[in-house]
């Protein structure tokens, strides 16, 4: 799957982070769609039109971990990349063991994220 064919959903309740990630992905040739919450993503049909999800951990009602578990339980689970700006006892290995395709602390290393997406969007 080429970059243009890979639609990436970006979910973060911080508008600055959301816009930054969408701009980064667009500059690298990806189609990126932004959502302010996991609920907005799910209610708008984002799951059906996305090839990959980048989600913040700490959000309103449904956390990034809750969304990861929801997506992992679907018939056709998508790769999920987890990002966080909050220090936590949960480490990268915790999220990877729970099914995440990748984990980044904010500020996100854009080059490393794009490298991961190149692998995730192959096919």
PDB file of N, CA and C in Angstrom:
ATOM      1  N   UNK A   1       0.844  -1.169   0.000  1.00  0.00           N
ATOM      2  CA  UNK A   1       0.000   0.000   0.000  1.00  0.00           C
ATOM      3  C   UNK A   1       0.886   1.228   0.000  1.00  0.00           C
ATOM      4  N   UNK A   2       0.741   2.074  -0.984  1.00  0.00           N
ATOM      5  CA  UNK A   2       1.546   3.290  -1.048  1.00  0.00           C
ATOM      6  C   UNK A   2       1.069   4.323  -0.062  1.00  0.00           C
ATOM      7  N   UNK A   3       1.828   5.381   0.067  1.00  0.00           N
ATOM      8  CA  UNK A   3       1.468   6.414   1.038  1.00  0.00           C
ATOM      9  C   UNK A   3       0.096   7.006   0.753  1.00  0.00           C
ATOM     10  N   UNK A   4      -0.202   7.294  -0.519  1.00  0.00           N
ATOM     11  CA  UNK A   4      -1.496   7.896  -0.847  1.00  0.00           C
ATOM     12  C   UNK A   4      -2.649   6.961  -0.493  1.00  0.00           C
ATOM     13  N   UNK A   5      -2.437   5.648  -0.588  1.00  0.00           N
ATOM     14  CA  UNK A   5      -3.493   4.688  -0.292  1.00  0.00           C
ATOM     15  C   UNK A   5      -3.642   4.452   1.201  1.00  0.00           C
ATOM     16  N   UNK A   6      -2.718   4.934   1.994  1.00  0.00           N
ATOM     17  CA  UNK A   6      -2.730   4.717   3.438  1.00  0.00           C
ATOM     18  C   UNK A   6      -3.352   5.935   4.127  1.00  0.00           C
ATOM     19  N   UNK A   7      -4.577   5.765   4.622  1.00  0.00           N
ATOM     20  CA  UNK A   7      -5.247   6.838   5.356  1.00  0.00           C
ATOM     21  C   UNK A   7      -4.964   6.639   6.840  1.00  0.00           C
ATOM     22  N   UNK A   8      -4.403   7.649   7.455  1.00  0.00           N
ATOM     23  CA  UNK A   8      -4.009   7.556   8.853  1.00  0.00           C
ATOM     24  C   UNK A   8      -4.920   8.443   9.696  1.00  0.00           C
ATOM     25  N   UNK A   9      -5.551   7.837  10.691  1.00  0.00           N
ATOM     26  CA  UNK A   9      -6.378   8.583  11.634  1.00  0.00           C
ATOM     27  C   UNK A   9      -5.489   9.046  12.777  1.00  0.00           C
ATOM     28  N   UNK A  10      -5.547  10.329  13.064  1.00  0.00           N
ATOM     29  CA  UNK A  10      -4.786  10.901  14.179  1.00  0.00           C
ATOM     30  C   UNK A  10      -5.795  11.352  15.227  1.00  0.00           C
ATOM     31  N   UNK A  11      -5.652  10.845  16.454  1.00  0.00           N
ATOM     32  CA  UNK A  11      -6.627  11.131  17.509  1.00  0.00           C
ATOM     33  C   UNK A  11      -5.892  11.728  18.702  1.00  0.00           C
ATOM     34  N   UNK A  12      -6.221  12.984  18.991  1.00  0.00           N
ATOM     35  CA  UNK A  12      -5.601  13.669  20.126  1.00  0.00           C
ATOM     36  C   UNK A  12      -6.510  14.820  20.538  1.00  0.00           C
ATOM     37  N   UNK A  13      -6.690  15.008  21.836  1.00  0.00           N
ATOM     38  CA  UNK A  13      -7.543  16.097  22.301  1.00  0.00           C
ATOM     39  C   UNK A  13      -6.796  17.432  22.395  1.00  0.00           C
ATOM     40  N   UNK A  14      -5.505  17.426  22.107  1.00  0.00           N
ATOM     41  CA  UNK A  14      -4.705  18.655  22.060  1.00  0.00           C
ATOM     42  C   UNK A  14      -4.637  19.094  20.592  1.00  0.00           C
ATOM     43  N   UNK A  15      -5.336  20.164  20.270  1.00  0.00           N
ATOM     44  CA  UNK A  15      -5.447  20.621  18.882  1.00  0.00           C
ATOM     45  C   UNK A  15      -4.088  20.915  18.252  1.00  0.00           C
ATOM     46  N   UNK A  16      -3.151  21.455  19.037  1.00  0.00           N
ATOM     47  CA  UNK A  16      -1.818  21.762  18.487  1.00  0.00           C
ATOM     48  C   UNK A  16      -1.096  20.491  18.053  1.00  0.00           C
ATOM     49  N   UNK A  17      -1.161  19.466  18.867  1.00  0.00           N
ATOM     50  CA  UNK A  17      -0.520  18.187  18.526  1.00  0.00           C
ATOM     51  C   UNK A  17      -1.221  17.576  17.321  1.00  0.00           C
ATOM     52  N   UNK A  18      -2.539  17.611  17.327  1.00  0.00           N
ATOM     53  CA  UNK A  18      -3.326  17.054  16.235  1.00  0.00           C
ATOM     54  C   UNK A  18      -2.940  17.699  14.905  1.00  0.00           C
ATOM     55  N   UNK A  19      -2.923  19.022  14.881  1.00  0.00           N
ATOM     56  CA  UNK A  19      -2.579  19.741  13.646  1.00  0.00           C
ATOM     57  C   UNK A  19      -1.137  19.481  13.228  1.00  0.00           C
ATOM     58  N   UNK A  20      -0.226  19.431  14.177  1.00  0.00           N
ATOM     59  CA  UNK A  20       1.186  19.182  13.859  1.00  0.00           C
ATOM     60  C   UNK A  20       1.376  17.817  13.210  1.00  0.00           C
ATOM     61  N   UNK A  21       0.741  16.801  13.784  1.00  0.00           N
ATOM     62  CA  UNK A  21       0.885  15.454  13.221  1.00  0.00           C
ATOM     63  C   UNK A  21       0.235  15.348  11.849  1.00  0.00           C
ATOM     64  N   UNK A  22      -0.932  15.956  11.689  1.00  0.00           N
ATOM     65  CA  UNK A  22      -1.594  15.930  10.380  1.00  0.00           C
ATOM     66  C   UNK A  22      -0.720  16.618   9.333  1.00  0.00           C
ATOM     67  N   UNK A  23      -0.143  17.773   9.675  1.00  0.00           N
ATOM     68  CA  UNK A  23       0.739  18.487   8.740  1.00  0.00           C
ATOM     69  C   UNK A  23       1.982  17.666   8.412  1.00  0.00           C
ATOM     70  N   UNK A  24       2.574  17.022   9.414  1.00  0.00           N
ATOM     71  CA  UNK A  24       3.752  16.171   9.175  1.00  0.00           C
ATOM     72  C   UNK A  24       3.401  15.053   8.202  1.00  0.00           C
ATOM     73  N   UNK A  25       2.298  14.369   8.468  1.00  0.00           N
ATOM     74  CA  UNK A  25       1.910  13.236   7.617  1.00  0.00           C
ATOM     75  C   UNK A  25       1.580  13.692   6.202  1.00  0.00           C
ATOM     76  N   UNK A  26       0.871  14.806   6.084  1.00  0.00           N
ATOM     77  CA  UNK A  26       0.541  15.331   4.753  1.00  0.00           C
ATOM     78  C   UNK A  26       1.802  15.706   3.988  1.00  0.00           C
ATOM     79  N   UNK A  27       2.794  16.279   4.674  1.00  0.00           N
ATOM     80  CA  UNK A  27       4.036  16.670   4.005  1.00  0.00           C
ATOM     81  C   UNK A  27       4.825  15.457   3.521  1.00  0.00           C
ATOM     82  N   UNK A  28       4.531  14.297   4.104  1.00  0.00           N
ATOM     83  CA  UNK A  28       5.202  13.048   3.697  1.00  0.00           C
ATOM     84  C   UNK A  28       4.357  12.245   2.714  1.00  0.00           C
ATOM     85  N   UNK A  29       3.240  12.812   2.272  1.00  0.00           N
ATOM     86  CA  UNK A  29       2.428  12.166   1.249  1.00  0.00           C
ATOM     87  C   UNK A  29       1.315  11.277   1.753  1.00  0.00           C
ATOM     88  N   UNK A  30       1.054  11.276   3.055  1.00  0.00           N
ATOM     89  CA  UNK A  30      -0.028  10.471   3.606  1.00  0.00           C
ATOM     90  C   UNK A  30      -1.319  11.271   3.646  1.00  0.00           C
ATOM     91  N   UNK A  31      -2.441  10.574   3.566  1.00  0.00           N
ATOM     92  CA  UNK A  31      -3.734  11.192   3.809  1.00  0.00           C
ATOM     93  C   UNK A  31      -4.000  11.024   5.300  1.00  0.00           C
ATOM     94  N   UNK A  32      -4.144  12.124   6.015  1.00  0.00           N
ATOM     95  CA  UNK A  32      -4.354  12.074   7.455  1.00  0.00           C
ATOM     96  C   UNK A  32      -5.674  12.750   7.801  1.00  0.00           C
ATOM     97  N   UNK A  33      -6.425  12.123   8.697  1.00  0.00           N
ATOM     98  CA  UNK A  33      -7.682  12.680   9.167  1.00  0.00           C
ATOM     99  C   UNK A  33      -7.607  12.822  10.674  1.00  0.00           C
ATOM    100  N   UNK A  34      -8.010  13.978  11.187  1.00  0.00           N
ATOM    101  CA  UNK A  34      -7.894  14.256  12.605  1.00  0.00           C
ATOM    102  C   UNK A  34      -9.203  14.137  13.361  1.00  0.00           C
ATOM    103  N   UNK A  35      -9.098  13.664  14.589  1.00  0.00           N
ATOM    104  CA  UNK A  35     -10.244  13.501  15.478  1.00  0.00           C
ATOM    105  C   UNK A  35      -9.838  13.968  16.874  1.00  0.00           C
ATOM    106  N   UNK A  36     -10.746  14.666  17.570  1.00  0.00           N
ATOM    107  CA  UNK A  36     -10.454  15.190  18.896  1.00  0.00           C
ATOM    108  C   UNK A  36     -10.684  14.207  20.023  1.00  0.00           C
ATOM    109  N   UNK A  37     -11.263  13.033  19.708  1.00  0.00           N
ATOM    110  CA  UNK A  37     -11.503  12.023  20.734  1.00  0.00           C
ATOM    111  C   UNK A  37     -11.685  10.665  20.077  1.00  0.00           C
ATOM    112  N   UNK A  38     -11.544   9.629  20.890  1.00  0.00           N
ATOM    113  CA  UNK A  38     -11.773   8.268  20.397  1.00  0.00           C
ATOM    114  C   UNK A  38     -13.236   8.097  19.992  1.00  0.00           C
ATOM    115  N   UNK A  39     -14.129   8.707  20.767  1.00  0.00           N
ATOM    116  CA  UNK A  39     -15.558   8.605  20.462  1.00  0.00           C
ATOM    117  C   UNK A  39     -15.876   9.239  19.107  1.00  0.00           C
ATOM    118  N   UNK A  40     -15.292  10.408  18.842  1.00  0.00           N
ATOM    119  CA  UNK A  40     -15.514  11.072  17.550  1.00  0.00           C
ATOM    120  C   UNK A  40     -15.021  10.181  16.412  1.00  0.00           C
ATOM    121  N   UNK A  41     -13.872   9.586  16.599  1.00  0.00           N
ATOM    122  CA  UNK A  41     -13.300   8.686  15.592  1.00  0.00           C
ATOM    123  C   UNK A  41     -14.249   7.524  15.304  1.00  0.00           C
ATOM    124  N   UNK A  42     -14.727   6.874  16.344  1.00  0.00           N
ATOM    125  CA  UNK A  42     -15.591   5.709  16.170  1.00  0.00           C
ATOM    126  C   UNK A  42     -16.959   6.088  15.622  1.00  0.00           C
ATOM    127  N   UNK A  43     -17.538   7.167  16.130  1.00  0.00           N
ATOM    128  CA  UNK A  43     -18.881   7.583  15.707  1.00  0.00           C
ATOM    129  C   UNK A  43     -18.921   8.093  14.269  1.00  0.00           C
ATOM    130  N   UNK A  44     -17.807   8.604  13.775  1.00  0.00           N
ATOM    131  CA  UNK A  44     -17.780   9.155  12.411  1.00  0.00           C
ATOM    132  C   UNK A  44     -17.416   8.122  11.354  1.00  0.00           C
ATOM    133  N   UNK A  45     -17.216   6.881  11.767  1.00  0.00           N
ATOM    134  CA  UNK A  45     -16.845   5.837  10.810  1.00  0.00           C
ATOM    135  C   UNK A  45     -15.369   5.830  10.471  1.00  0.00           C
ATOM    136  N   UNK A  46     -14.560   6.490  11.283  1.00  0.00           N
ATOM    137  CA  UNK A  46     -13.129   6.556  11.020  1.00  0.00           C
ATOM    138  C   UNK A  46     -12.455   5.198  10.985  1.00  0.00           C
ATOM    139  N   UNK A  47     -12.963   4.279  11.765  1.00  0.00           N
ATOM    140  CA  UNK A  47     -12.362   2.942  11.809  1.00  0.00           C
ATOM    141  C   UNK A  47     -12.451   2.257  10.453  1.00  0.00           C
ATOM    142  N   UNK A  48     -13.575   2.440   9.766  1.00  0.00           N
ATOM    143  CA  UNK A  48     -13.779   1.780   8.478  1.00  0.00           C
ATOM    144  C   UNK A  48     -12.964   2.405   7.350  1.00  0.00           C
ATOM    145  N   UNK A  49     -12.599   3.682   7.485  1.00  0.00           N
ATOM    146  CA  UNK A  49     -11.894   4.331   6.375  1.00  0.00           C
ATOM    147  C   UNK A  49     -10.404   4.552   6.629  1.00  0.00           C
ATOM    148  N   UNK A  50      -9.899   3.998   7.721  1.00  0.00           N
ATOM    149  CA  UNK A  50      -8.487   4.202   8.063  1.00  0.00           C
ATOM    150  C   UNK A  50      -7.675   2.936   7.831  1.00  0.00           C
ATOM    151  N   UNK A  51      -6.384   3.145   7.570  1.00  0.00           N
ATOM    152  CA  UNK A  51      -5.441   2.040   7.413  1.00  0.00           C
ATOM    153  C   UNK A  51      -4.564   1.889   8.638  1.00  0.00           C
ATOM    154  N   UNK A  52      -4.499   2.951   9.439  1.00  0.00           N
ATOM    155  CA  UNK A  52      -3.635   2.993  10.612  1.00  0.00           C
ATOM    156  C   UNK A  52      -4.169   4.074  11.539  1.00  0.00           C
ATOM    157  N   UNK A  53      -3.941   3.912  12.843  1.00  0.00           N
ATOM    158  CA  UNK A  53      -4.406   4.882  13.831  1.00  0.00           C
ATOM    159  C   UNK A  53      -3.227   5.335  14.684  1.00  0.00           C
ATOM    160  N   UNK A  54      -3.137   6.643  14.888  1.00  0.00           N
ATOM    161  CA  UNK A  54      -2.194   7.218  15.857  1.00  0.00           C
ATOM    162  C   UNK A  54      -3.057   7.843  16.934  1.00  0.00           C
ATOM    163  N   UNK A  55      -2.905   7.393  18.181  1.00  0.00           N
ATOM    164  CA  UNK A  55      -3.761   7.902  19.240  1.00  0.00           C
ATOM    165  C   UNK A  55      -2.986   8.316  20.483  1.00  0.00           C
ATOM    166  N   UNK A  56      -3.452   9.403  21.081  1.00  0.00           N
ATOM    167  CA  UNK A  56      -2.940   9.831  22.374  1.00  0.00           C
ATOM    168  C   UNK A  56      -3.460   8.861  23.429  1.00  0.00           C
ATOM    169  N   UNK A  57      -2.763   8.765  24.556  1.00  0.00           N
ATOM    170  CA  UNK A  57      -3.194   7.889  25.644  1.00  0.00           C
ATOM    171  C   UNK A  57      -4.264   8.574  26.481  1.00  0.00           C
ATOM    172  N   UNK A  58      -3.963   9.761  26.971  1.00  0.00           N
ATOM    173  CA  UNK A  58      -4.844  10.465  27.908  1.00  0.00           C
ATOM    174  C   UNK A  58      -5.837  11.333  27.155  1.00  0.00           C
ATOM    175  N   UNK A  59      -7.090  10.877  27.112  1.00  0.00           N
ATOM    176  CA  UNK A  59      -8.152  11.658  26.479  1.00  0.00           C
ATOM    177  C   UNK A  59      -9.392  11.554  27.354  1.00  0.00           C
ATOM    178  N   UNK A  60     -10.498  12.135  26.906  1.00  0.00           N
ATOM    179  CA  UNK A  60     -11.746  12.179  27.652  1.00  0.00           C
ATOM    180  C   UNK A  60     -12.245  10.844  28.161  1.00  0.00           C
ATOM    181  N   UNK A  61     -13.385  10.421  27.675  1.00  0.00           N
ATOM    182  CA  UNK A  61     -14.009   9.198  28.179  1.00  0.00           C
ATOM    183  C   UNK A  61     -13.216   7.948  27.824  1.00  0.00           C
ATOM    184  N   UNK A  62     -12.967   7.721  26.550  1.00  0.00           N
ATOM    185  CA  UNK A  62     -12.217   6.536  26.133  1.00  0.00           C
ATOM    186  C   UNK A  62     -10.753   6.905  25.958  1.00  0.00           C
ATOM    187  N   UNK A  63      -9.884   6.210  26.657  1.00  0.00           N
ATOM    188  CA  UNK A  63      -8.445   6.472  26.562  1.00  0.00           C
ATOM    189  C   UNK A  63      -7.878   5.829  25.300  1.00  0.00           C
ATOM    190  N   UNK A  64      -6.649   6.168  25.015  1.00  0.00           N
ATOM    191  CA  UNK A  64      -5.960   5.533  23.897  1.00  0.00           C
ATOM    192  C   UNK A  64      -5.822   4.033  24.107  1.00  0.00           C
ATOM    193  N   UNK A  65      -5.610   3.606  25.351  1.00  0.00           N
ATOM    194  CA  UNK A  65      -5.518   2.181  25.650  1.00  0.00           C
ATOM    195  C   UNK A  65      -6.869   1.500  25.416  1.00  0.00           C
ATOM    196  N   UNK A  66      -7.946   2.167  25.819  1.00  0.00           N
ATOM    197  CA  UNK A  66      -9.285   1.626  25.562  1.00  0.00           C
ATOM    198  C   UNK A  66      -9.550   1.497  24.072  1.00  0.00           C
ATOM    199  N   UNK A  67      -9.132   2.511  23.302  1.00  0.00           N
ATOM    200  CA  UNK A  67      -9.301   2.462  21.850  1.00  0.00           C
ATOM    201  C   UNK A  67      -8.453   1.346  21.253  1.00  0.00           C
ATOM    202  N   UNK A  68      -7.228   1.200  21.722  1.00  0.00           N
ATOM    203  CA  UNK A  68      -6.357   0.108  21.256  1.00  0.00           C
ATOM    204  C   UNK A  68      -7.035  -1.238  21.480  1.00  0.00           C
ATOM    205  N   UNK A  69      -7.594  -1.451  22.657  1.00  0.00           N
ATOM    206  CA  UNK A  69      -8.280  -2.713  22.952  1.00  0.00           C
ATOM    207  C   UNK A  69      -9.506  -2.891  22.059  1.00  0.00           C
ATOM    208  N   UNK A  70     -10.255  -1.807  21.843  1.00  0.00           N
ATOM    209  CA  UNK A  70     -11.438  -1.886  20.971  1.00  0.00           C
ATOM    210  C   UNK A  70     -11.026  -2.278  19.547  1.00  0.00           C
ATOM    211  N   UNK A  71     -10.028  -1.602  19.007  1.00  0.00           N
ATOM    212  CA  UNK A  71      -9.588  -1.889  17.639  1.00  0.00           C
ATOM    213  C   UNK A  71      -9.027  -3.304  17.538  1.00  0.00           C
ATOM    214  N   UNK A  72      -8.288  -3.733  18.554  1.00  0.00           N
ATOM    215  CA  UNK A  72      -7.701  -5.081  18.551  1.00  0.00           C
ATOM    216  C   UNK A  72      -8.766  -6.170  18.554  1.00  0.00           C
ATOM    217  N   UNK A  73      -9.959  -5.847  19.066  1.00  0.00           N
ATOM    218  CA  UNK A  73     -11.024  -6.848  19.159  1.00  0.00           C
ATOM    219  C   UNK A  73     -11.895  -6.920  17.908  1.00  0.00           C
ATOM    220  N   UNK A  74     -11.644  -6.062  16.923  1.00  0.00           N
ATOM    221  CA  UNK A  74     -12.455  -6.076  15.709  1.00  0.00           C
ATOM    222  C   UNK A  74     -12.007  -7.196  14.774  1.00  0.00           C
ATOM    223  N   UNK A  75     -12.851  -7.488  13.791  1.00  0.00           N
ATOM    224  CA  UNK A  75     -12.556  -8.563  12.841  1.00  0.00           C
ATOM    225  C   UNK A  75     -11.297  -8.283  12.031  1.00  0.00           C
ATOM    226  N   UNK A  76     -11.072  -7.010  11.710  1.00  0.00           N
ATOM    227  CA  UNK A  76      -9.896  -6.616  10.933  1.00  0.00           C
ATOM    228  C   UNK A  76      -9.155  -5.513  11.672  1.00  0.00           C
ATOM    229  N   UNK A  77      -8.396  -5.878  12.706  1.00  0.00           N
ATOM    230  CA  UNK A  77      -7.728  -4.837  13.504  1.00  0.00           C
ATOM    231  C   UNK A  77      -6.696  -4.060  12.692  1.00  0.00           C
ATOM    232  N   UNK A  78      -6.661  -2.755  12.937  1.00  0.00           N
ATOM    233  CA  UNK A  78      -5.698  -1.865  12.287  1.00  0.00           C
ATOM    234  C   UNK A  78      -4.472  -1.716  13.170  1.00  0.00           C
ATOM    235  N   UNK A  79      -3.334  -1.370  12.571  1.00  0.00           N
ATOM    236  CA  UNK A  79      -2.175  -1.019  13.391  1.00  0.00           C
ATOM    237  C   UNK A  79      -2.467   0.267  14.164  1.00  0.00           C
ATOM    238  N   UNK A  80      -2.085   0.278  15.428  1.00  0.00           N
ATOM    239  CA  UNK A  80      -2.303   1.439  16.285  1.00  0.00           C
ATOM    240  C   UNK A  80      -0.956   1.892  16.849  1.00  0.00           C
ATOM    241  N   UNK A  81      -0.663   3.172  16.674  1.00  0.00           N
ATOM    242  CA  UNK A  81       0.539   3.776  17.244  1.00  0.00           C
ATOM    243  C   UNK A  81       0.076   4.648  18.409  1.00  0.00           C
ATOM    244  N   UNK A  82       0.659   4.429  19.575  1.00  0.00           N
ATOM    245  CA  UNK A  82       0.273   5.142  20.786  1.00  0.00           C
ATOM    246  C   UNK A  82       1.287   6.250  21.064  1.00  0.00           C
ATOM    247  N   UNK A  83       0.755   7.446  21.396  1.00  0.00           N
ATOM    248  CA  UNK A  83       1.622   8.561  21.772  1.00  0.00           C
ATOM    249  C   UNK A  83       1.169   9.099  23.131  1.00  0.00           C
ATOM    250  N   UNK A  84       2.099   9.624  23.897  1.00  0.00           N
ATOM    251  CA  UNK A  84       1.735  10.214  25.183  1.00  0.00           C
ATOM    252  C   UNK A  84       2.693  11.333  25.557  1.00  0.00           C
ATOM    253  N   UNK A  85       2.150  12.301  26.252  1.00  0.00           N
ATOM    254  CA  UNK A  85       2.960  13.390  26.781  1.00  0.00           C
ATOM    255  C   UNK A  85       3.026  13.345  28.291  1.00  0.00           C
ATOM    256  N   UNK A  86       2.349  12.373  28.866  1.00  0.00           N
ATOM    257  CA  UNK A  86       2.287  12.268  30.317  1.00  0.00           C
ATOM    258  C   UNK A  86       3.208  11.158  30.816  1.00  0.00           C
ATOM    259  N   UNK A  87       4.032  11.468  31.804  1.00  0.00           N
ATOM    260  CA  UNK A  87       4.850  10.413  32.392  1.00  0.00           C
ATOM    261  C   UNK A  87       3.929   9.363  33.020  1.00  0.00           C
ATOM    262  N   UNK A  88       4.306   8.125  32.908  1.00  0.00           N
ATOM    263  CA  UNK A  88       3.467   7.048  33.410  1.00  0.00           C
ATOM    264  C   UNK A  88       4.330   5.864  33.798  1.00  0.00           C
ATOM    265  N   UNK A  89       3.755   5.033  34.642  1.00  0.00           N
ATOM    266  CA  UNK A  89       4.460   3.801  34.972  1.00  0.00           C
ATOM    267  C   UNK A  89       4.397   2.812  33.816  1.00  0.00           C
ATOM    268  N   UNK A  90       3.489   3.063  32.885  1.00  0.00           N
ATOM    269  CA  UNK A  90       3.363   2.182  31.728  1.00  0.00           C
ATOM    270  C   UNK A  90       4.436   2.560  30.704  1.00  0.00           C
ATOM    271  N   UNK A  91       5.180   1.581  30.281  1.00  0.00           N
ATOM    272  CA  UNK A  91       6.295   1.822  29.373  1.00  0.00           C
ATOM    273  C   UNK A  91       5.937   1.402  27.955  1.00  0.00           C
ATOM    274  N   UNK A  92       6.875   1.627  27.075  1.00  0.00           N
ATOM    275  CA  UNK A  92       6.702   1.216  25.686  1.00  0.00           C
ATOM    276  C   UNK A  92       6.358  -0.265  25.598  1.00  0.00           C
ATOM    277  N   UNK A  93       7.046  -1.096  26.368  1.00  0.00           N
ATOM    278  CA  UNK A  93       6.793  -2.539  26.300  1.00  0.00           C
ATOM    279  C   UNK A  93       5.353  -2.875  26.699  1.00  0.00           C
ATOM    280  N   UNK A  94       4.780  -2.126  27.652  1.00  0.00           N
ATOM    281  CA  UNK A  94       3.396  -2.360  28.062  1.00  0.00           C
ATOM    282  C   UNK A  94       2.456  -2.189  26.867  1.00  0.00           C
ATOM    283  N   UNK A  95       2.611  -1.092  26.130  1.00  0.00           N
ATOM    284  CA  UNK A  95       1.718  -0.825  25.002  1.00  0.00           C
ATOM    285  C   UNK A  95       1.964  -1.809  23.855  1.00  0.00           C
ATOM    286  N   UNK A  96       3.206  -2.146  23.609  1.00  0.00           N
ATOM    287  CA  UNK A  96       3.502  -3.112  22.552  1.00  0.00           C
ATOM    288  C   UNK A  96       2.928  -4.484  22.903  1.00  0.00           C
ATOM    289  N   UNK A  97       3.037  -4.877  24.175  1.00  0.00           N
ATOM    290  CA  UNK A  97       2.460  -6.157  24.620  1.00  0.00           C
ATOM    291  C   UNK A  97       0.936  -6.154  24.515  1.00  0.00           C
ATOM    292  N   UNK A  98       0.336  -4.976  24.566  1.00  0.00           N
ATOM    293  CA  UNK A  98      -1.113  -4.851  24.447  1.00  0.00           C
ATOM    294  C   UNK A  98      -1.563  -4.634  23.004  1.00  0.00           C
ATOM    295  N   UNK A  99      -0.657  -4.804  22.054  1.00  0.00           N
ATOM    296  CA  UNK A  99      -1.032  -4.792  20.645  1.00  0.00           C
ATOM    297  C   UNK A  99      -0.675  -3.565  19.840  1.00  0.00           C
ATOM    298  N   UNK A 100      -0.045  -2.572  20.449  1.00  0.00           N
ATOM    299  CA  UNK A 100       0.326  -1.375  19.685  1.00  0.00           C
ATOM    300  C   UNK A 100       1.425  -1.699  18.676  1.00  0.00           C
ATOM    301  N   UNK A 101       1.357  -1.047  17.525  1.00  0.00           N
ATOM    302  CA  UNK A 101       2.390  -1.210  16.502  1.00  0.00           C
ATOM    303  C   UNK A 101       3.610  -0.359  16.821  1.00  0.00           C
ATOM    304  N   UNK A 102       3.416   0.649  17.670  1.00  0.00           N
ATOM    305  CA  UNK A 102       4.516   1.531  18.046  1.00  0.00           C
ATOM    306  C   UNK A 102       4.108   2.409  19.211  1.00  0.00           C
ATOM    307  N   UNK A 103       5.105   3.038  19.832  1.00  0.00           N
ATOM    308  CA  UNK A 103       4.870   3.890  20.995  1.00  0.00           C
ATOM    309  C   UNK A 103       5.853   5.046  20.950  1.00  0.00           C
ATOM    310  N   UNK A 104       5.342   6.268  21.141  1.00  0.00           N
ATOM    311  CA  UNK A 104       6.194   7.452  21.152  1.00  0.00           C
ATOM    312  C   UNK A 104       5.784   8.370  22.289  1.00  0.00           C
ATOM    313  N   UNK A 105       6.783   8.978  22.908  1.00  0.00           N
ATOM    314  CA  UNK A 105       6.518  10.033  23.894  1.00  0.00           C
ATOM    315  C   UNK A 105       6.544  11.370  23.149  1.00  0.00           C
ATOM    316  N   UNK A 106       5.713  12.305  23.619  1.00  0.00           N
ATOM    317  CA  UNK A 106       5.704  13.654  23.046  1.00  0.00           C
ATOM    318  C   UNK A 106       6.854  14.441  23.644  1.00  0.00           C
ATOM    319  N   UNK A 107       7.503  15.298  22.881  1.00  0.00           N
ATOM    320  CA  UNK A 107       7.224  15.542  21.469  1.00  0.00           C
ATOM    321  C   UNK A 107       7.654  14.344  20.625  1.00  0.00           C
ATOM    322  N   UNK A 108       6.806  14.000  19.683  1.00  0.00           N
ATOM    323  CA  UNK A 108       7.027  12.820  18.840  1.00  0.00           C
ATOM    324  C   UNK A 108       8.187  13.069  17.887  1.00  0.00           C
ATOM    325  N   UNK A 109       9.062  12.089  17.779  1.00  0.00           N
ATOM    326  CA  UNK A 109      10.155  12.120  16.802  1.00  0.00           C
ATOM    327  C   UNK A 109       9.542  11.859  15.421  1.00  0.00           C
ATOM    328  N   UNK A 110       9.378  12.919  14.644  1.00  0.00           N
ATOM    329  CA  UNK A 110       8.716  12.816  13.353  1.00  0.00           C
ATOM    330  C   UNK A 110       9.367  11.827  12.408  1.00  0.00           C
ATOM    331  N   UNK A 111      10.697  11.825  12.351  1.00  0.00           N
ATOM    332  CA  UNK A 111      11.399  10.901  11.453  1.00  0.00           C
ATOM    333  C   UNK A 111      11.148   9.449  11.848  1.00  0.00           C
ATOM    334  N   UNK A 112      11.199   9.168  13.142  1.00  0.00           N
ATOM    335  CA  UNK A 112      10.967   7.803  13.618  1.00  0.00           C
ATOM    336  C   UNK A 112       9.523   7.380  13.364  1.00  0.00           C
ATOM    337  N   UNK A 113       8.580   8.299  13.544  1.00  0.00           N
ATOM    338  CA  UNK A 113       7.173   7.995  13.278  1.00  0.00           C
ATOM    339  C   UNK A 113       6.965   7.669  11.805  1.00  0.00           C
ATOM    340  N   UNK A 114       7.514   8.484  10.926  1.00  0.00           N
ATOM    341  CA  UNK A 114       7.349   8.252   9.484  1.00  0.00           C
ATOM    342  C   UNK A 114       8.032   6.925   9.090  1.00  0.00           C
ATOM    343  N   UNK A 115       9.175   6.623   9.668  1.00  0.00           N
ATOM    344  CA  UNK A 115       9.828   5.334   9.391  1.00  0.00           C
ATOM    345  C   UNK A 115       8.923   4.166   9.784  1.00  0.00           C
ATOM    346  N   UNK A 116       8.284   4.266  10.947  1.00  0.00           N
ATOM    347  CA  UNK A 116       7.369   3.207  11.386  1.00  0.00           C
ATOM    348  C   UNK A 116       6.182   3.107  10.441  1.00  0.00           C
ATOM    349  N   UNK A 117       5.633   4.246  10.040  1.00  0.00           N
ATOM    350  CA  UNK A 117       4.477   4.226   9.140  1.00  0.00           C
ATOM    351  C   UNK A 117       4.810   3.617   7.781  1.00  0.00           C
ATOM    352  N   UNK A 118       6.041   3.807   7.324  1.00  0.00           N
ATOM    353  CA  UNK A 118       6.454   3.177   6.065  1.00  0.00           C
ATOM    354  C   UNK A 118       6.317   1.661   6.169  1.00  0.00           C
ATOM    355  N   UNK A 119       6.668   1.107   7.325  1.00  0.00           N
ATOM    356  CA  UNK A 119       6.544  -0.338   7.539  1.00  0.00           C
ATOM    357  C   UNK A 119       5.088  -0.762   7.711  1.00  0.00           C
ATOM    358  N   UNK A 120       4.347  -0.002   8.495  1.00  0.00           N
ATOM    359  CA  UNK A 120       2.969  -0.328   8.811  1.00  0.00           C
ATOM    360  C   UNK A 120       2.082  -0.254   7.563  1.00  0.00           C
ATOM    361  N   UNK A 121       2.369   0.688   6.671  1.00  0.00           N
ATOM    362  CA  UNK A 121       1.531   0.903   5.485  1.00  0.00           C
ATOM    363  C   UNK A 121       1.995   0.121   4.263  1.00  0.00           C
ATOM    364  N   UNK A 122       2.899  -0.810   4.456  1.00  0.00           N
ATOM    365  CA  UNK A 122       3.298  -1.672   3.338  1.00  0.00           C
ATOM    366  C   UNK A 122       2.162  -2.620   3.027  1.00  0.00           C
ATOM    367  N   UNK A 123       2.167  -3.114   1.808  1.00  0.00           N
ATOM    368  CA  UNK A 123       1.184  -4.130   1.500  1.00  0.00           C
ATOM    369  C   UNK A 123       0.514  -3.871   0.275  1.00  0.00           C
TER     370      UNK A 123
END
